[in-house]
Amino acid sequence: MNHIRRRMEAWDAAAKQDAMRYIAGYGTWTKEDFFALGAKDAKNFTQNFFTRMNFDPADKLMLDIGCGIGRMTRAFADMFSEAYGVDFSTELIKLAMEFNEDKPNLFFRTNNGIDLSIFDDNLFDFVFSWSVFMHITDVNIIESYIREIGRVLRPGGLFTFQVDGRKWAPRMPIIHRSLFNFLVKIGLVDKFAKLYFRGDIHKQRTSPTILLSKAKLEKMLRQTSLEVVQITGEDTFGMWCSGYKRK
């Protein structure tokens, strides 16, 4: 698929330019500050859910989808027995392995940008993803990943992932998400991004956003083995979905 290859190439180029900047935002990042923020976010995004579900990660395996260079995966390695990160950018994964070589229980893999076929069924106790699905330019691929979460989770295992739930297009005239998603898919949003990001070609090529309604997300989940516990942040950038795999 050409649009997946374009995104892979865009992230490879961004990684070579300044991976931390394109992952965590504009500015100058030290390795220490970058991973410290990742540790804070990993805790904030999961702690309450783990407590609610009486989940102890200490002897368990987890997967971080779209791990980048391991910004939060590194912190998960301190919580879990083993932590795995997957990303479709070979350059990001190279950096992840380089920056985290001191963590013997932390493993990184490159995937195809479509599914998790490199992993066995019923392997992980927890699957996590943040700020990843929104940058996939095809709703069908997001749905594929959600099905794959159900496949690689062990029965009873937990999941938490984030999507962009905004109803209206960001940084554009008033356009409903259904039309906006179509414009993303055919590449017109990329052209608009040239103006917004003012010549930053890496940001332009890595940032298109897919918007999902709560109803659409729930429909995807009903076709899997996943049970939703909570969906928060409806109609916002940070719409989180958490739950477990039915036994």
C-alpha atoms as a PDB file:
ATOM      1  CA  MET A   1       0.000   0.000   0.000  1.00  0.00           C
ATOM      2  CA  ASN A   2       1.558   3.230  -1.173  1.00  0.00           C
ATOM      3  CA  HIS A   3       0.232   5.402   1.649  1.00  0.00           C
ATOM      4  CA  ILE A   4       1.776   3.077   4.281  1.00  0.00           C
ATOM      5  CA  ARG A   5       5.109   3.103   2.500  1.00  0.00           C
ATOM      6  CA  ARG A   6       4.993   6.916   2.362  1.00  0.00           C
ATOM      7  CA  ARG A   7       4.402   7.084   6.125  1.00  0.00           C
ATOM      8  CA  MET A   8       7.239   4.616   6.789  1.00  0.00           C
ATOM      9  CA  GLU A   9       9.607   6.668   4.671  1.00  0.00           C
ATOM     10  CA  ALA A  10       8.451   9.877   6.357  1.00  0.00           C
ATOM     11  CA  TRP A  11       9.145   8.515   9.835  1.00  0.00           C
ATOM     12  CA  ASP A  12      12.483   7.058   8.743  1.00  0.00           C
ATOM     13  CA  ALA A  13      13.483  10.512   7.514  1.00  0.00           C
ATOM     14  CA  ALA A  14      12.182  12.213  10.671  1.00  0.00           C
ATOM     15  CA  ALA A  15      14.115   9.733  12.823  1.00  0.00           C
ATOM     16  CA  LYS A  16      17.348  10.577  11.027  1.00  0.00           C
ATOM     17  CA  GLN A  17      16.663  14.295  11.401  1.00  0.00           C
ATOM     18  CA  ASP A  18      15.632  14.437  15.085  1.00  0.00           C
ATOM     19  CA  ALA A  19      13.520  11.567  16.416  1.00  0.00           C
ATOM     20  CA  MET A  20      12.853  13.087  19.827  1.00  0.00           C
ATOM     21  CA  ARG A  21      11.569  16.333  18.336  1.00  0.00           C
ATOM     22  CA  TYR A  22       9.076  14.628  16.027  1.00  0.00           C
ATOM     23  CA  ILE A  23       7.868  12.252  18.729  1.00  0.00           C
ATOM     24  CA  ALA A  24       7.609  14.531  21.753  1.00  0.00           C
ATOM     25  CA  GLY A  25       7.194  17.944  20.149  1.00  0.00           C
ATOM     26  CA  TYR A  26       9.234  20.918  19.091  1.00  0.00           C
ATOM     27  CA  GLY A  27      12.195  21.951  21.189  1.00  0.00           C
ATOM     28  CA  THR A  28      15.539  20.523  22.191  1.00  0.00           C
ATOM     29  CA  TRP A  29      15.375  17.277  24.127  1.00  0.00           C
ATOM     30  CA  THR A  30      18.032  15.540  26.168  1.00  0.00           C
ATOM     31  CA  LYS A  31      17.822  11.771  26.412  1.00  0.00           C
ATOM     32  CA  GLU A  32      17.181  12.086  30.151  1.00  0.00           C
ATOM     33  CA  ASP A  33      14.298  14.553  29.809  1.00  0.00           C
ATOM     34  CA  PHE A  34      12.756  12.652  26.899  1.00  0.00           C
ATOM     35  CA  PHE A  35      12.587   9.350  28.762  1.00  0.00           C
ATOM     36  CA  ALA A  36      11.625  11.012  32.063  1.00  0.00           C
ATOM     37  CA  LEU A  37       8.540  12.473  30.360  1.00  0.00           C
ATOM     38  CA  GLY A  38       7.835   9.049  28.877  1.00  0.00           C
ATOM     39  CA  ALA A  39       7.970   7.453  32.319  1.00  0.00           C
ATOM     40  CA  LYS A  40       5.573  10.056  33.686  1.00  0.00           C
ATOM     41  CA  ASP A  41       3.130   9.535  30.817  1.00  0.00           C
ATOM     42  CA  ALA A  42       3.295   5.733  31.040  1.00  0.00           C
ATOM     43  CA  LYS A  43       2.301   5.942  34.689  1.00  0.00           C
ATOM     44  CA  ASN A  44      -0.418   8.546  34.140  1.00  0.00           C
ATOM     45  CA  PHE A  45      -1.995   6.640  31.248  1.00  0.00           C
ATOM     46  CA  THR A  46      -2.165   3.272  33.020  1.00  0.00           C
ATOM     47  CA  GLN A  47      -2.011   3.522  36.813  1.00  0.00           C
ATOM     48  CA  ASN A  48      -5.684   4.181  37.524  1.00  0.00           C
ATOM     49  CA  PHE A  49      -6.811   1.488  35.104  1.00  0.00           C
ATOM     50  CA  PHE A  50      -4.428  -1.082  36.591  1.00  0.00           C
ATOM     51  CA  THR A  51      -5.721  -0.244  40.072  1.00  0.00           C
ATOM     52  CA  ARG A  52      -9.334  -0.498  38.948  1.00  0.00           C
ATOM     53  CA  MET A  53      -8.692  -3.899  37.362  1.00  0.00           C
ATOM     54  CA  ASN A  54      -6.543  -5.168  40.275  1.00  0.00           C
ATOM     55  CA  PHE A  55      -3.751  -5.772  37.751  1.00  0.00           C
ATOM     56  CA  ASP A  56      -0.170  -6.373  38.908  1.00  0.00           C
ATOM     57  CA  PRO A  57       2.247  -6.066  35.961  1.00  0.00           C
ATOM     58  CA  ALA A  58       5.317  -7.357  37.805  1.00  0.00           C
ATOM     59  CA  ASP A  59       5.401 -10.873  36.305  1.00  0.00           C
ATOM     60  CA  LYS A  60       3.673 -10.096  32.998  1.00  0.00           C
ATOM     61  CA  LEU A  61       4.438  -9.264  29.346  1.00  0.00           C
ATOM     62  CA  MET A  62       3.310  -6.111  27.561  1.00  0.00           C
ATOM     63  CA  LEU A  63       3.328  -4.675  24.031  1.00  0.00           C
ATOM     64  CA  ASP A  64       3.620  -1.015  23.031  1.00  0.00           C
ATOM     65  CA  ILE A  65       2.214  -0.458  19.504  1.00  0.00           C
ATOM     66  CA  GLY A  66       3.931   2.416  17.697  1.00  0.00           C
ATOM     67  CA  CYS A  67       6.711   2.583  20.252  1.00  0.00           C
ATOM     68  CA  GLY A  68       8.940   4.990  18.347  1.00  0.00           C
ATOM     69  CA  ILE A  69      12.296   4.986  20.111  1.00  0.00           C
ATOM     70  CA  GLY A  70      10.824   3.554  23.291  1.00  0.00           C
ATOM     71  CA  ARG A  71       9.745   6.780  25.001  1.00  0.00           C
ATOM     72  CA  MET A  72       7.233   4.943  27.210  1.00  0.00           C
ATOM     73  CA  THR A  73       8.269   1.358  26.472  1.00  0.00           C
ATOM     74  CA  ARG A  74      11.405   1.924  28.539  1.00  0.00           C
ATOM     75  CA  ALA A  75       9.264   2.770  31.564  1.00  0.00           C
ATOM     76  CA  PHE A  76       7.028  -0.237  30.967  1.00  0.00           C
ATOM     77  CA  ALA A  77      10.138  -2.431  31.127  1.00  0.00           C
ATOM     78  CA  ASP A  78      10.517  -1.302  34.755  1.00  0.00           C
ATOM     79  CA  MET A  79       6.904  -2.256  35.518  1.00  0.00           C
ATOM     80  CA  PHE A  80       6.655  -5.563  33.623  1.00  0.00           C
ATOM     81  CA  SER A  81       8.695  -8.748  33.462  1.00  0.00           C
ATOM     82  CA  GLU A  82       9.170  -8.127  29.728  1.00  0.00           C
ATOM     83  CA  ALA A  83       8.216  -5.188  27.507  1.00  0.00           C
ATOM     84  CA  TYR A  84       8.033  -5.262  23.712  1.00  0.00           C
ATOM     85  CA  GLY A  85       7.841  -2.309  21.358  1.00  0.00           C
ATOM     86  CA  VAL A  86       6.793  -2.456  17.724  1.00  0.00           C
ATOM     87  CA  ASP A  87       6.982   0.222  15.030  1.00  0.00           C
ATOM     88  CA  PHE A  88       6.930   0.274  11.234  1.00  0.00           C
ATOM     89  CA  SER A  89       9.940   2.603  10.993  1.00  0.00           C
ATOM     90  CA  THR A  90      13.221   0.705  10.825  1.00  0.00           C
ATOM     91  CA  GLU A  91      15.122   3.871  11.715  1.00  0.00           C
ATOM     92  CA  LEU A  92      13.069   4.446  14.867  1.00  0.00           C
ATOM     93  CA  ILE A  93      13.570   0.833  15.931  1.00  0.00           C
ATOM     94  CA  LYS A  94      17.339   1.126  15.383  1.00  0.00           C
ATOM     95  CA  LEU A  95      17.399   4.140  17.701  1.00  0.00           C
ATOM     96  CA  ALA A  96      15.143   2.373  20.218  1.00  0.00           C
ATOM     97  CA  MET A  97      17.587  -0.512  20.478  1.00  0.00           C
ATOM     98  CA  GLU A  98      20.539   1.868  20.740  1.00  0.00           C
ATOM     99  CA  PHE A  99      19.001   4.067  23.449  1.00  0.00           C
ATOM    100  CA  ASN A 100      17.698   1.139  25.509  1.00  0.00           C
ATOM    101  CA  GLU A 101      20.490  -1.402  25.267  1.00  0.00           C
ATOM    102  CA  ASP A 102      20.859  -1.248  29.047  1.00  0.00           C
ATOM    103  CA  LYS A 103      17.416  -2.870  29.493  1.00  0.00           C
ATOM    104  CA  PRO A 104      17.749  -6.667  29.072  1.00  0.00           C
ATOM    105  CA  ASN A 105      13.990  -7.253  29.385  1.00  0.00           C
ATOM    106  CA  LEU A 106      13.096  -4.694  26.675  1.00  0.00           C
ATOM    107  CA  PHE A 107      12.703  -5.881  23.073  1.00  0.00           C
ATOM    108  CA  PHE A 108      11.956  -4.009  19.838  1.00  0.00           C
ATOM    109  CA  ARG A 109      10.606  -5.269  16.521  1.00  0.00           C
ATOM    110  CA  THR A 110       9.764  -3.739  13.129  1.00  0.00           C
ATOM    111  CA  ASN A 111       6.348  -4.615  11.687  1.00  0.00           C
ATOM    112  CA  ASN A 112       4.545  -3.998   8.391  1.00  0.00           C
ATOM    113  CA  GLY A 113       2.321  -1.106   9.480  1.00  0.00           C
ATOM    114  CA  ILE A 114      -0.822  -3.177   8.986  1.00  0.00           C
ATOM    115  CA  ASP A 115      -0.971  -5.853  11.687  1.00  0.00           C
ATOM    116  CA  LEU A 116       0.913  -7.663  14.460  1.00  0.00           C
ATOM    117  CA  SER A 117       1.580 -10.856  12.536  1.00  0.00           C
ATOM    118  CA  ILE A 118       5.157 -11.012  13.846  1.00  0.00           C
ATOM    119  CA  PHE A 119       3.719 -12.003  17.260  1.00  0.00           C
ATOM    120  CA  ASP A 120       2.038 -15.243  18.332  1.00  0.00           C
ATOM    121  CA  ASP A 121      -1.543 -15.546  19.557  1.00  0.00           C
ATOM    122  CA  ASN A 122      -2.281 -15.090  23.274  1.00  0.00           C
ATOM    123  CA  LEU A 123       1.204 -13.778  24.039  1.00  0.00           C
ATOM    124  CA  PHE A 124       0.762 -10.545  26.014  1.00  0.00           C
ATOM    125  CA  ASP A 125      -0.931  -9.614  29.265  1.00  0.00           C
ATOM    126  CA  PHE A 126      -1.248  -5.940  28.336  1.00  0.00           C
ATOM    127  CA  VAL A 127      -1.304  -4.051  25.025  1.00  0.00           C
ATOM    128  CA  PHE A 128      -0.865  -0.271  24.912  1.00  0.00           C
ATOM    129  CA  SER A 129      -0.827   2.414  22.235  1.00  0.00           C
ATOM    130  CA  TRP A 130      -0.682   6.201  22.408  1.00  0.00           C
ATOM    131  CA  SER A 131      -0.762   8.786  19.590  1.00  0.00           C
ATOM    132  CA  VAL A 132      -0.419   6.112  16.909  1.00  0.00           C
ATOM    133  CA  PHE A 133      -3.769   5.053  15.450  1.00  0.00           C
ATOM    134  CA  MET A 134      -4.640   8.653  14.604  1.00  0.00           C
ATOM    135  CA  HIS A 135      -1.689   8.794  12.218  1.00  0.00           C
ATOM    136  CA  ILE A 136      -2.818   5.771  10.235  1.00  0.00           C
ATOM    137  CA  THR A 137      -4.445   7.087   7.069  1.00  0.00           C
ATOM    138  CA  ASP A 138      -6.921   4.240   6.562  1.00  0.00           C
ATOM    139  CA  VAL A 139      -9.710   3.421   9.031  1.00  0.00           C
ATOM    140  CA  ASN A 140      -9.606  -0.213   7.888  1.00  0.00           C
ATOM    141  CA  ILE A 141      -6.019  -0.529   9.138  1.00  0.00           C
ATOM    142  CA  ILE A 142      -6.991   0.885  12.535  1.00  0.00           C
ATOM    143  CA  GLU A 143      -9.696  -1.765  12.649  1.00  0.00           C
ATOM    144  CA  SER A 144      -7.094  -4.396  11.721  1.00  0.00           C
ATOM    145  CA  TYR A 145      -4.905  -3.353  14.637  1.00  0.00           C
ATOM    146  CA  ILE A 146      -7.836  -3.535  17.037  1.00  0.00           C
ATOM    147  CA  ARG A 147      -8.563  -7.091  15.881  1.00  0.00           C
ATOM    148  CA  GLU A 148      -4.892  -7.906  16.291  1.00  0.00           C
ATOM    149  CA  ILE A 149      -4.919  -6.631  19.871  1.00  0.00           C
ATOM    150  CA  GLY A 150      -7.611  -9.204  20.542  1.00  0.00           C
ATOM    151  CA  ARG A 151      -5.514 -11.912  18.918  1.00  0.00           C
ATOM    152  CA  VAL A 152      -2.189 -11.287  20.697  1.00  0.00           C
ATOM    153  CA  LEU A 153      -3.716 -10.689  24.148  1.00  0.00           C
ATOM    154  CA  ARG A 154      -4.055 -13.605  26.518  1.00  0.00           C
ATOM    155  CA  PRO A 155      -7.593 -14.263  27.765  1.00  0.00           C
ATOM    156  CA  GLY A 156      -8.170 -11.858  30.624  1.00  0.00           C
ATOM    157  CA  GLY A 157      -5.367  -9.573  29.417  1.00  0.00           C
ATOM    158  CA  LEU A 158      -5.854  -5.798  29.432  1.00  0.00           C
ATOM    159  CA  PHE A 159      -5.607  -3.159  26.709  1.00  0.00           C
ATOM    160  CA  THR A 160      -5.473   0.620  26.630  1.00  0.00           C
ATOM    161  CA  PHE A 161      -5.187   2.680  23.463  1.00  0.00           C
ATOM    162  CA  GLN A 162      -5.836   6.243  22.368  1.00  0.00           C
ATOM    163  CA  VAL A 163      -7.479   7.600  19.231  1.00  0.00           C
ATOM    164  CA  ASP A 164      -8.406  11.089  18.061  1.00  0.00           C
ATOM    165  CA  GLY A 165     -12.114  11.454  18.769  1.00  0.00           C
ATOM    166  CA  ARG A 166     -12.564  15.033  17.606  1.00  0.00           C
ATOM    167  CA  LYS A 167     -15.735  15.704  15.612  1.00  0.00           C
ATOM    168  CA  TRP A 168     -14.282  18.527  13.529  1.00  0.00           C
ATOM    169  CA  ALA A 169     -11.071  18.676  11.505  1.00  0.00           C
ATOM    170  CA  PRO A 170      -8.076  20.169  13.330  1.00  0.00           C
ATOM    171  CA  ARG A 171      -6.226  23.148  11.844  1.00  0.00           C
ATOM    172  CA  MET A 172      -8.702  23.423   8.960  1.00  0.00           C
ATOM    173  CA  PRO A 173     -12.000  25.127   8.120  1.00  0.00           C
ATOM    174  CA  ILE A 174     -15.077  23.523   9.695  1.00  0.00           C
ATOM    175  CA  ILE A 175     -15.100  20.024   8.201  1.00  0.00           C
ATOM    176  CA  HIS A 176     -16.823  17.050   9.819  1.00  0.00           C
ATOM    177  CA  ARG A 177     -14.628  14.046  10.641  1.00  0.00           C
ATOM    178  CA  SER A 178     -16.224  11.785   7.992  1.00  0.00           C
ATOM    179  CA  LEU A 179     -15.240  14.143   5.186  1.00  0.00           C
ATOM    180  CA  PHE A 180     -11.895  14.920   6.800  1.00  0.00           C
ATOM    181  CA  ASN A 181     -10.983  11.208   6.964  1.00  0.00           C
ATOM    182  CA  PHE A 182     -11.725  10.893   3.254  1.00  0.00           C
ATOM    183  CA  LEU A 183      -9.492  13.892   2.507  1.00  0.00           C
ATOM    184  CA  VAL A 184      -6.714  12.317   4.592  1.00  0.00           C
ATOM    185  CA  LYS A 185      -7.029   9.033   2.715  1.00  0.00           C
ATOM    186  CA  ILE A 186      -6.758  10.617  -0.747  1.00  0.00           C
ATOM    187  CA  GLY A 187      -3.854  12.861   0.288  1.00  0.00           C
ATOM    188  CA  LEU A 188      -5.435  16.328   0.196  1.00  0.00           C
ATOM    189  CA  VAL A 189      -4.724  16.955   3.874  1.00  0.00           C
ATOM    190  CA  ASP A 190      -1.028  16.415   3.179  1.00  0.00           C
ATOM    191  CA  LYS A 191      -1.143  19.348   0.775  1.00  0.00           C
ATOM    192  CA  PHE A 192      -2.837  21.578   3.345  1.00  0.00           C
ATOM    193  CA  ALA A 193      -0.203  20.536   5.907  1.00  0.00           C
ATOM    194  CA  LYS A 194       2.472  22.200   3.773  1.00  0.00           C
ATOM    195  CA  LEU A 195       0.958  25.545   4.740  1.00  0.00           C
ATOM    196  CA  TYR A 196       0.351  24.755   8.405  1.00  0.00           C
ATOM    197  CA  PHE A 197       3.793  23.302   9.126  1.00  0.00           C
ATOM    198  CA  ARG A 198       5.578  26.016   7.142  1.00  0.00           C
ATOM    199  CA  GLY A 199       8.005  23.915   5.202  1.00  0.00           C
ATOM    200  CA  ASP A 200       8.734  21.288   7.863  1.00  0.00           C
ATOM    201  CA  ILE A 201       8.420  18.390   5.460  1.00  0.00           C
ATOM    202  CA  HIS A 202       8.910  15.709   8.133  1.00  0.00           C
ATOM    203  CA  LYS A 203       6.128  17.088  10.335  1.00  0.00           C
ATOM    204  CA  GLN A 204       3.927  17.517   7.290  1.00  0.00           C
ATOM    205  CA  ARG A 205       4.328  13.896   6.216  1.00  0.00           C
ATOM    206  CA  THR A 206       4.017  12.257   9.641  1.00  0.00           C
ATOM    207  CA  SER A 207       1.082  14.176  11.136  1.00  0.00           C
ATOM    208  CA  PRO A 208      -2.177  13.518   9.197  1.00  0.00           C
ATOM    209  CA  THR A 209      -4.921  12.681  11.657  1.00  0.00           C
ATOM    210  CA  ILE A 210      -7.758  10.145  11.401  1.00  0.00           C
ATOM    211  CA  LEU A 211     -10.798  11.069  13.522  1.00  0.00           C
ATOM    212  CA  LEU A 212     -12.992   8.349  15.056  1.00  0.00           C
ATOM    213  CA  SER A 213     -16.376   8.675  16.715  1.00  0.00           C
ATOM    214  CA  LYS A 214     -17.144   6.705  19.856  1.00  0.00           C
ATOM    215  CA  ALA A 215     -19.876   4.866  17.959  1.00  0.00           C
ATOM    216  CA  LYS A 216     -17.461   3.844  15.195  1.00  0.00           C
ATOM    217  CA  LEU A 217     -14.918   2.659  17.732  1.00  0.00           C
ATOM    218  CA  GLU A 218     -17.515   0.626  19.621  1.00  0.00           C
ATOM    219  CA  LYS A 219     -18.639  -0.993  16.369  1.00  0.00           C
ATOM    220  CA  MET A 220     -15.057  -2.080  15.649  1.00  0.00           C
ATOM    221  CA  LEU A 221     -14.694  -3.551  19.114  1.00  0.00           C
ATOM    222  CA  ARG A 222     -17.945  -5.508  18.949  1.00  0.00           C
ATOM    223  CA  GLN A 223     -16.427  -7.614  16.182  1.00  0.00           C
ATOM    224  CA  THR A 224     -13.518  -8.733  18.368  1.00  0.00           C
ATOM    225  CA  SER A 225     -12.951 -10.715  21.552  1.00  0.00           C
ATOM    226  CA  LEU A 226     -12.369  -7.458  23.437  1.00  0.00           C
ATOM    227  CA  GLU A 227     -14.645  -6.160  26.181  1.00  0.00           C
ATOM    228  CA  VAL A 228     -14.696  -2.419  26.826  1.00  0.00           C
ATOM    229  CA  VAL A 229     -14.470  -1.237  30.423  1.00  0.00           C
ATOM    230  CA  GLN A 230     -14.351   2.467  29.695  1.00  0.00           C
ATOM    231  CA  ILE A 231     -14.092   5.015  26.898  1.00  0.00           C
ATOM    232  CA  THR A 232     -13.109   8.486  28.054  1.00  0.00           C
ATOM    233  CA  GLY A 233     -12.541  11.779  26.269  1.00  0.00           C
ATOM    234  CA  GLU A 234     -15.308  11.406  23.692  1.00  0.00           C
ATOM    235  CA  ASP A 235     -15.095  14.074  20.952  1.00  0.00           C
ATOM    236  CA  THR A 236     -11.580  15.105  22.085  1.00  0.00           C
ATOM    237  CA  PHE A 237      -8.046  14.563  20.820  1.00  0.00           C
ATOM    238  CA  GLY A 238      -7.390  12.145  23.680  1.00  0.00           C
ATOM    239  CA  MET A 239     -10.185   9.578  23.458  1.00  0.00           C
ATOM    240  CA  TRP A 240      -8.978   6.542  25.428  1.00  0.00           C
ATOM    241  CA  CYS A 241     -10.416   3.051  25.220  1.00  0.00           C
ATOM    242  CA  SER A 242      -9.601   0.459  27.879  1.00  0.00           C
ATOM    243  CA  GLY A 243     -10.781  -3.050  28.562  1.00  0.00           C
ATOM    244  CA  TYR A 244      -9.853  -6.722  28.538  1.00  0.00           C
ATOM    245  CA  LYS A 245      -9.966  -9.845  26.391  1.00  0.00           C
ATOM    246  CA  ARG A 246     -12.845 -12.108  27.229  1.00  0.00           C
ATOM    247  CA  LYS A 247     -11.919 -15.528  28.643  1.00  0.00           C
END
